[in-house]
Amino acid sequence: MLRLRYRGEVREVEPLRLLRGDGHWYLVGWARPSGGVRGFRDDRIESVAPTEERFEALHRAEVDADLARWDLTTLTP
């Protein structure tokens, strides 16, 4: 589990994918507590810290479904 400071807000994220595209890296993960797939652009992440909490990647299907909406022609795994 990661704790991000992203654009001034603290977010708890289960990291699931790292993609490169459009000149940036994107961390794709399950955001807590709101629950949902989110993409975090590298230049907007102010800090990253691991937490003590471990997680099982239970949300892969949701991530795959959400990524299907993205224009992945400009992103690479």
C-alpha atoms as a PDB file:
ATOM      1  CA  MET A   1       0.000   0.000   0.000  1.00  0.00           C
ATOM      2  CA  LEU A   2       1.273   3.484  -0.828  1.00  0.00           C
ATOM      3  CA  ARG A   3       0.476   6.852   0.659  1.00  0.00           C
ATOM      4  CA  LEU A   4       0.753   9.575  -1.985  1.00  0.00           C
ATOM      5  CA  ARG A   5       0.643  13.305  -1.695  1.00  0.00           C
ATOM      6  CA  TYR A   6      -0.957  14.134  -5.023  1.00  0.00           C
ATOM      7  CA  ARG A   7      -1.723  17.704  -5.965  1.00  0.00           C
ATOM      8  CA  GLY A   8      -1.899  18.669  -2.300  1.00  0.00           C
ATOM      9  CA  GLU A   9      -4.106  15.771  -1.161  1.00  0.00           C
ATOM     10  CA  VAL A  10      -3.062  12.599   0.643  1.00  0.00           C
ATOM     11  CA  ARG A  11      -4.240   9.428  -1.083  1.00  0.00           C
ATOM     12  CA  GLU A  12      -3.997   5.765  -0.066  1.00  0.00           C
ATOM     13  CA  VAL A  13      -3.430   3.638  -3.160  1.00  0.00           C
ATOM     14  CA  GLU A  14      -3.048  -0.035  -3.977  1.00  0.00           C
ATOM     15  CA  PRO A  15      -0.528   0.236  -6.851  1.00  0.00           C
ATOM     16  CA  LEU A  16      -1.363  -2.102  -9.738  1.00  0.00           C
ATOM     17  CA  ARG A  17       0.221  -0.802 -12.939  1.00  0.00           C
ATOM     18  CA  LEU A  18       2.887   1.586 -14.120  1.00  0.00           C
ATOM     19  CA  LEU A  19       2.429   2.940 -17.638  1.00  0.00           C
ATOM     20  CA  ARG A  20       4.473   5.328 -19.749  1.00  0.00           C
ATOM     21  CA  GLY A  21       2.941   7.651 -22.299  1.00  0.00           C
ATOM     22  CA  ASP A  22       2.589  11.191 -23.479  1.00  0.00           C
ATOM     23  CA  GLY A  23       5.956  12.031 -21.909  1.00  0.00           C
ATOM     24  CA  HIS A  24       4.910  10.918 -18.400  1.00  0.00           C
ATOM     25  CA  TRP A  25       4.735   7.873 -16.163  1.00  0.00           C
ATOM     26  CA  TYR A  26       1.337   6.977 -14.719  1.00  0.00           C
ATOM     27  CA  LEU A  27       0.790   4.980 -11.569  1.00  0.00           C
ATOM     28  CA  VAL A  28      -2.528   3.156 -11.931  1.00  0.00           C
ATOM     29  CA  GLY A  29      -4.085   1.804  -8.783  1.00  0.00           C
ATOM     30  CA  TRP A  30      -7.100   1.304  -6.589  1.00  0.00           C
ATOM     31  CA  ALA A  31      -7.757   4.443  -4.549  1.00  0.00           C
ATOM     32  CA  ARG A  32      -9.004   4.139  -0.993  1.00  0.00           C
ATOM     33  CA  PRO A  33     -11.320   4.875   0.716  1.00  0.00           C
ATOM     34  CA  SER A  34     -13.324   6.120  -2.267  1.00  0.00           C
ATOM     35  CA  GLY A  35     -12.794   2.861  -4.095  1.00  0.00           C
ATOM     36  CA  GLY A  36     -12.065   3.124  -7.762  1.00  0.00           C
ATOM     37  CA  VAL A  37      -9.395   3.024 -10.389  1.00  0.00           C
ATOM     38  CA  ARG A  38      -7.275   6.154 -10.569  1.00  0.00           C
ATOM     39  CA  GLY A  39      -4.283   7.215 -12.618  1.00  0.00           C
ATOM     40  CA  PHE A  40      -1.621   9.382 -10.974  1.00  0.00           C
ATOM     41  CA  ARG A  41       0.702  11.302 -13.282  1.00  0.00           C
ATOM     42  CA  ASP A  42       4.339  11.378 -12.183  1.00  0.00           C
ATOM     43  CA  ASP A  43       4.829  15.144 -12.231  1.00  0.00           C
ATOM     44  CA  ARG A  44       1.790  15.644  -9.985  1.00  0.00           C
ATOM     45  CA  ILE A  45       2.953  13.219  -7.283  1.00  0.00           C
ATOM     46  CA  GLU A  46       4.597  15.292  -4.568  1.00  0.00           C
ATOM     47  CA  SER A  47       5.669  12.399  -2.325  1.00  0.00           C
ATOM     48  CA  VAL A  48       5.334   8.624  -2.050  1.00  0.00           C
ATOM     49  CA  ALA A  49       5.720   6.468   1.045  1.00  0.00           C
ATOM     50  CA  PRO A  50       4.980   2.791   1.595  1.00  0.00           C
ATOM     51  CA  THR A  51       2.690   1.961   4.488  1.00  0.00           C
ATOM     52  CA  GLU A  52       2.861  -1.066   6.763  1.00  0.00           C
ATOM     53  CA  GLU A  53      -0.338  -2.426   5.216  1.00  0.00           C
ATOM     54  CA  ARG A  54      -0.141  -5.166   2.608  1.00  0.00           C
ATOM     55  CA  PHE A  55      -2.911  -5.915   0.149  1.00  0.00           C
ATOM     56  CA  GLU A  56      -3.984  -8.574  -2.279  1.00  0.00           C
ATOM     57  CA  ALA A  57      -4.549  -7.279  -5.782  1.00  0.00           C
ATOM     58  CA  LEU A  58      -8.291  -7.918  -5.802  1.00  0.00           C
ATOM     59  CA  HIS A  59      -9.242  -5.181  -8.227  1.00  0.00           C
ATOM     60  CA  ARG A  60      -7.437  -6.306 -11.397  1.00  0.00           C
ATOM     61  CA  ALA A  61     -10.684  -6.803 -13.339  1.00  0.00           C
ATOM     62  CA  GLU A  62     -11.795  -3.262 -12.516  1.00  0.00           C
ATOM     63  CA  VAL A  63      -8.403  -1.892 -13.539  1.00  0.00           C
ATOM     64  CA  ASP A  64      -8.482  -3.815 -16.826  1.00  0.00           C
ATOM     65  CA  ALA A  65     -12.007  -2.558 -17.540  1.00  0.00           C
ATOM     66  CA  ASP A  66     -11.033   1.020 -16.757  1.00  0.00           C
ATOM     67  CA  LEU A  67      -7.870   0.844 -18.878  1.00  0.00           C
ATOM     68  CA  ALA A  68      -9.986  -0.358 -21.803  1.00  0.00           C
ATOM     69  CA  ARG A  69     -11.410   3.198 -21.886  1.00  0.00           C
ATOM     70  CA  TRP A  70      -7.933   4.797 -22.118  1.00  0.00           C
ATOM     71  CA  ASP A  71      -6.184   5.594 -25.351  1.00  0.00           C
ATOM     72  CA  LEU A  72      -3.407   3.065 -24.839  1.00  0.00           C
ATOM     73  CA  THR A  73      -1.886   3.768 -28.243  1.00  0.00           C
ATOM     74  CA  THR A  74       0.185   6.473 -26.528  1.00  0.00           C
ATOM     75  CA  LEU A  75       0.912   4.405 -23.411  1.00  0.00           C
ATOM     76  CA  THR A  76       3.253   1.464 -22.999  1.00  0.00           C
ATOM     77  CA  PRO A  77       3.380  -1.049 -20.132  1.00  0.00           C
END
